[in-house]
Amino acid sequence: MRKCIACQEQKQKKDLIRVVRSPEGEISVDPTGKKSGRGAYLCNNEECFRQAKKKNALSSQLKAKVDDEMYDILEKGRKSIER
């Protein structure tokens, strides 16, 4: 079980999207859930991405600066792996 950083609901890992900060500092969507680095989980829905962007939740969870442009890129990545 993992917790969504936006809505705080606990769900199965496979039901969430993992966003990861690699050891090199690159932030990306991790569709496999196996990339090395610091991860944060979000529900695969628009509302949770909107809440995370509003609260800037990824920056605090990943301990790295995540700007609005990166949220837009992550949103596109989320849509490409919709289940």
N, C-alpha and C. Protein backbone atom coordinates (compact mmCIF):
# COMPACT_ATOMS: atom_id res chain seq x y z
N MET A 1 0.85 -1.19 0.00
CA MET A 1 0.00 0.00 0.00
C MET A 1 0.90 1.25 0.00
N ARG A 2 0.46 2.23 -0.78
CA ARG A 2 1.15 3.52 -0.85
C ARG A 2 0.11 4.62 -0.71
N LYS A 3 0.57 5.82 -0.32
CA LYS A 3 -0.34 6.94 -0.10
C LYS A 3 -0.14 7.99 -1.18
N CYS A 4 -1.24 8.44 -1.75
CA CYS A 4 -1.20 9.53 -2.73
C CYS A 4 -0.82 10.82 -2.00
N ILE A 5 0.12 11.56 -2.56
CA ILE A 5 0.58 12.78 -1.89
C ILE A 5 -0.43 13.92 -1.99
N ALA A 6 -1.44 13.79 -2.86
CA ALA A 6 -2.44 14.85 -3.01
C ALA A 6 -3.66 14.59 -2.14
N CYS A 7 -4.30 13.43 -2.30
CA CYS A 7 -5.55 13.16 -1.58
C CYS A 7 -5.34 12.37 -0.30
N GLN A 8 -4.14 11.86 -0.08
CA GLN A 8 -3.76 11.12 1.13
C GLN A 8 -4.45 9.76 1.25
N GLU A 9 -5.08 9.26 0.18
CA GLU A 9 -5.71 7.94 0.22
C GLU A 9 -4.66 6.86 0.02
N GLN A 10 -4.79 5.77 0.75
CA GLN A 10 -3.90 4.64 0.57
C GLN A 10 -4.49 3.70 -0.45
N LYS A 11 -3.66 3.31 -1.42
CA LYS A 11 -4.10 2.41 -2.49
C LYS A 11 -2.98 1.44 -2.80
N GLN A 12 -3.31 0.43 -3.56
CA GLN A 12 -2.30 -0.51 -4.01
C GLN A 12 -1.29 0.23 -4.89
N LYS A 13 -0.04 -0.18 -4.81
CA LYS A 13 1.02 0.47 -5.58
C LYS A 13 0.70 0.50 -7.07
N LYS A 14 0.12 -0.58 -7.58
CA LYS A 14 -0.18 -0.67 -9.02
C LYS A 14 -1.28 0.30 -9.45
N ASP A 15 -2.05 0.83 -8.51
CA ASP A 15 -3.13 1.76 -8.83
C ASP A 15 -2.68 3.22 -8.81
N LEU A 16 -1.42 3.46 -8.48
CA LEU A 16 -0.89 4.81 -8.38
C LEU A 16 0.20 5.05 -9.42
N ILE A 17 0.46 6.30 -9.70
CA ILE A 17 1.54 6.71 -10.60
C ILE A 17 2.73 7.09 -9.72
N ARG A 18 3.89 6.57 -10.04
CA ARG A 18 5.09 6.93 -9.29
C ARG A 18 5.86 7.98 -10.06
N VAL A 19 6.18 9.05 -9.37
CA VAL A 19 7.05 10.09 -9.91
C VAL A 19 8.36 9.97 -9.14
N VAL A 20 9.46 9.95 -9.87
CA VAL A 20 10.74 9.66 -9.23
C VAL A 20 11.76 10.75 -9.55
N ARG A 21 12.59 11.04 -8.54
CA ARG A 21 13.77 11.90 -8.74
C ARG A 21 14.96 10.98 -8.73
N SER A 22 15.64 10.90 -9.86
CA SER A 22 16.78 10.00 -9.99
C SER A 22 17.95 10.54 -9.17
N PRO A 23 18.96 9.70 -8.93
CA PRO A 23 20.15 10.18 -8.21
C PRO A 23 20.83 11.37 -8.91
N GLU A 24 20.61 11.50 -10.22
CA GLU A 24 21.18 12.62 -10.98
C GLU A 24 20.32 13.87 -10.88
N GLY A 25 19.12 13.76 -10.28
CA GLY A 25 18.24 14.91 -10.09
C GLY A 25 17.15 15.05 -11.13
N GLU A 26 17.06 14.12 -12.09
CA GLU A 26 16.03 14.16 -13.13
C GLU A 26 14.70 13.67 -12.56
N ILE A 27 13.62 14.40 -12.86
CA ILE A 27 12.29 14.04 -12.38
C ILE A 27 11.48 13.49 -13.54
N SER A 28 10.87 12.33 -13.34
CA SER A 28 10.11 11.71 -14.43
C SER A 28 9.03 10.79 -13.86
N VAL A 29 8.08 10.43 -14.73
CA VAL A 29 7.06 9.44 -14.38
C VAL A 29 7.72 8.07 -14.51
N ASP A 30 7.49 7.22 -13.54
CA ASP A 30 8.08 5.88 -13.53
C ASP A 30 6.97 4.84 -13.71
N PRO A 31 6.67 4.47 -14.95
CA PRO A 31 5.57 3.52 -15.18
C PRO A 31 5.84 2.12 -14.63
N THR A 32 7.11 1.75 -14.49
CA THR A 32 7.44 0.42 -13.98
C THR A 32 7.43 0.37 -12.47
N GLY A 33 7.65 1.52 -11.82
CA GLY A 33 7.73 1.55 -10.36
C GLY A 33 9.02 0.99 -9.83
N LYS A 34 10.02 0.83 -10.70
CA LYS A 34 11.27 0.19 -10.29
C LYS A 34 12.51 1.05 -10.49
N LYS A 35 12.36 2.27 -10.99
CA LYS A 35 13.52 3.13 -11.17
C LYS A 35 14.12 3.46 -9.82
N SER A 36 15.44 3.60 -9.79
CA SER A 36 16.07 3.97 -8.53
C SER A 36 15.91 5.47 -8.31
N GLY A 37 15.80 5.84 -7.06
CA GLY A 37 15.66 7.24 -6.71
C GLY A 37 14.53 7.44 -5.72
N ARG A 38 14.33 8.68 -5.35
CA ARG A 38 13.28 9.03 -4.39
C ARG A 38 11.95 9.13 -5.13
N GLY A 39 10.94 8.45 -4.63
CA GLY A 39 9.66 8.41 -5.32
C GLY A 39 8.53 9.05 -4.53
N ALA A 40 7.51 9.46 -5.27
CA ALA A 40 6.27 9.99 -4.71
C ALA A 40 5.14 9.40 -5.54
N TYR A 41 4.01 9.16 -4.90
CA TYR A 41 2.89 8.50 -5.57
C TYR A 41 1.69 9.42 -5.70
N LEU A 42 1.03 9.33 -6.86
CA LEU A 42 -0.18 10.11 -7.13
C LEU A 42 -1.23 9.19 -7.74
N CYS A 43 -2.48 9.45 -7.40
CA CYS A 43 -3.58 8.75 -8.07
C CYS A 43 -3.55 9.14 -9.55
N ASN A 44 -3.99 8.26 -10.40
CA ASN A 44 -3.98 8.54 -11.83
C ASN A 44 -5.27 9.26 -12.22
N ASN A 45 -5.47 10.43 -11.65
CA ASN A 45 -6.62 11.24 -12.05
C ASN A 45 -6.24 12.72 -12.05
N GLU A 46 -6.98 13.46 -12.82
CA GLU A 46 -6.68 14.88 -13.01
C GLU A 46 -6.76 15.68 -11.72
N GLU A 47 -7.72 15.38 -10.86
CA GLU A 47 -7.91 16.13 -9.62
C GLU A 47 -6.68 16.04 -8.71
N CYS A 48 -6.13 14.84 -8.58
CA CYS A 48 -4.95 14.68 -7.72
C CYS A 48 -3.74 15.42 -8.29
N PHE A 49 -3.57 15.39 -9.62
CA PHE A 49 -2.48 16.15 -10.22
C PHE A 49 -2.68 17.64 -10.00
N ARG A 50 -3.92 18.10 -10.09
CA ARG A 50 -4.23 19.52 -9.87
C ARG A 50 -3.92 19.91 -8.42
N GLN A 51 -4.33 19.07 -7.47
CA GLN A 51 -4.05 19.35 -6.05
C GLN A 51 -2.55 19.35 -5.78
N ALA A 52 -1.83 18.38 -6.34
CA ALA A 52 -0.39 18.31 -6.13
C ALA A 52 0.30 19.55 -6.68
N LYS A 53 -0.15 20.02 -7.84
CA LYS A 53 0.43 21.22 -8.45
C LYS A 53 0.13 22.44 -7.58
N LYS A 54 -1.11 22.55 -7.10
CA LYS A 54 -1.51 23.70 -6.28
C LYS A 54 -0.71 23.76 -4.98
N LYS A 55 -0.52 22.59 -4.34
CA LYS A 55 0.23 22.53 -3.08
C LYS A 55 1.74 22.45 -3.28
N ASN A 56 2.16 22.27 -4.55
CA ASN A 56 3.57 22.02 -4.88
C ASN A 56 4.09 20.82 -4.08
N ALA A 57 3.25 19.81 -4.00
CA ALA A 57 3.53 18.63 -3.17
C ALA A 57 4.72 17.83 -3.66
N LEU A 58 4.94 17.79 -4.97
CA LEU A 58 6.08 17.00 -5.48
C LEU A 58 7.41 17.59 -5.03
N SER A 59 7.50 18.91 -4.97
CA SER A 59 8.75 19.53 -4.54
C SER A 59 9.13 19.09 -3.13
N SER A 60 8.15 19.09 -2.24
CA SER A 60 8.47 18.72 -0.86
C SER A 60 8.71 17.21 -0.73
N GLN A 61 7.97 16.40 -1.46
CA GLN A 61 8.15 14.95 -1.35
C GLN A 61 9.45 14.47 -2.00
N LEU A 62 9.80 15.07 -3.13
CA LEU A 62 11.00 14.64 -3.85
C LEU A 62 12.24 15.41 -3.42
N LYS A 63 12.05 16.42 -2.58
CA LYS A 63 13.15 17.26 -2.10
C LYS A 63 13.95 17.83 -3.26
N ALA A 64 13.20 18.36 -4.23
CA ALA A 64 13.79 19.00 -5.41
C ALA A 64 12.79 20.01 -5.94
N LYS A 65 13.28 21.02 -6.63
CA LYS A 65 12.38 22.03 -7.19
C LYS A 65 11.66 21.45 -8.39
N VAL A 66 10.32 21.48 -8.33
CA VAL A 66 9.49 21.04 -9.44
C VAL A 66 8.66 22.24 -9.86
N ASP A 67 8.94 22.76 -11.08
CA ASP A 67 8.21 23.94 -11.54
C ASP A 67 6.95 23.54 -12.30
N ASP A 68 6.14 24.54 -12.63
CA ASP A 68 4.85 24.29 -13.30
C ASP A 68 5.03 23.59 -14.64
N GLU A 69 6.09 23.89 -15.35
CA GLU A 69 6.34 23.24 -16.63
C GLU A 69 6.53 21.73 -16.44
N MET A 70 7.21 21.35 -15.37
CA MET A 70 7.42 19.93 -15.10
C MET A 70 6.09 19.24 -14.78
N TYR A 71 5.20 19.93 -14.07
CA TYR A 71 3.87 19.35 -13.79
C TYR A 71 3.12 19.08 -15.10
N ASP A 72 3.26 20.00 -16.07
CA ASP A 72 2.60 19.80 -17.37
C ASP A 72 3.19 18.59 -18.09
N ILE A 73 4.49 18.43 -18.04
CA ILE A 73 5.15 17.26 -18.65
C ILE A 73 4.70 15.98 -17.96
N LEU A 74 4.63 16.01 -16.64
CA LEU A 74 4.19 14.84 -15.88
C LEU A 74 2.73 14.50 -16.19
N GLU A 75 1.91 15.53 -16.37
CA GLU A 75 0.50 15.30 -16.72
C GLU A 75 0.39 14.58 -18.06
N LYS A 76 1.20 14.98 -19.03
CA LYS A 76 1.21 14.29 -20.33
C LYS A 76 1.68 12.85 -20.17
N GLY A 77 2.69 12.63 -19.33
CA GLY A 77 3.17 11.28 -19.07
C GLY A 77 2.11 10.43 -18.38
N ARG A 78 1.35 11.04 -17.49
CA ARG A 78 0.28 10.34 -16.79
C ARG A 78 -0.76 9.87 -17.79
N LYS A 79 -1.13 10.74 -18.71
CA LYS A 79 -2.16 10.39 -19.69
C LYS A 79 -1.69 9.27 -20.61
N SER A 80 -0.38 9.20 -20.86
CA SER A 80 0.13 8.16 -21.76
C SER A 80 0.13 6.77 -21.11
N ILE A 81 0.04 6.71 -19.77
CA ILE A 81 0.03 5.40 -19.12
C ILE A 81 -1.28 5.15 -18.39
N GLU A 82 -2.36 5.84 -18.80
CA GLU A 82 -3.65 5.61 -18.16
C GLU A 82 -4.01 4.14 -18.23
N ARG A 83 -4.58 3.68 -17.15
CA ARG A 83 -4.90 2.26 -17.05
C ARG A 83 -6.35 2.03 -17.32
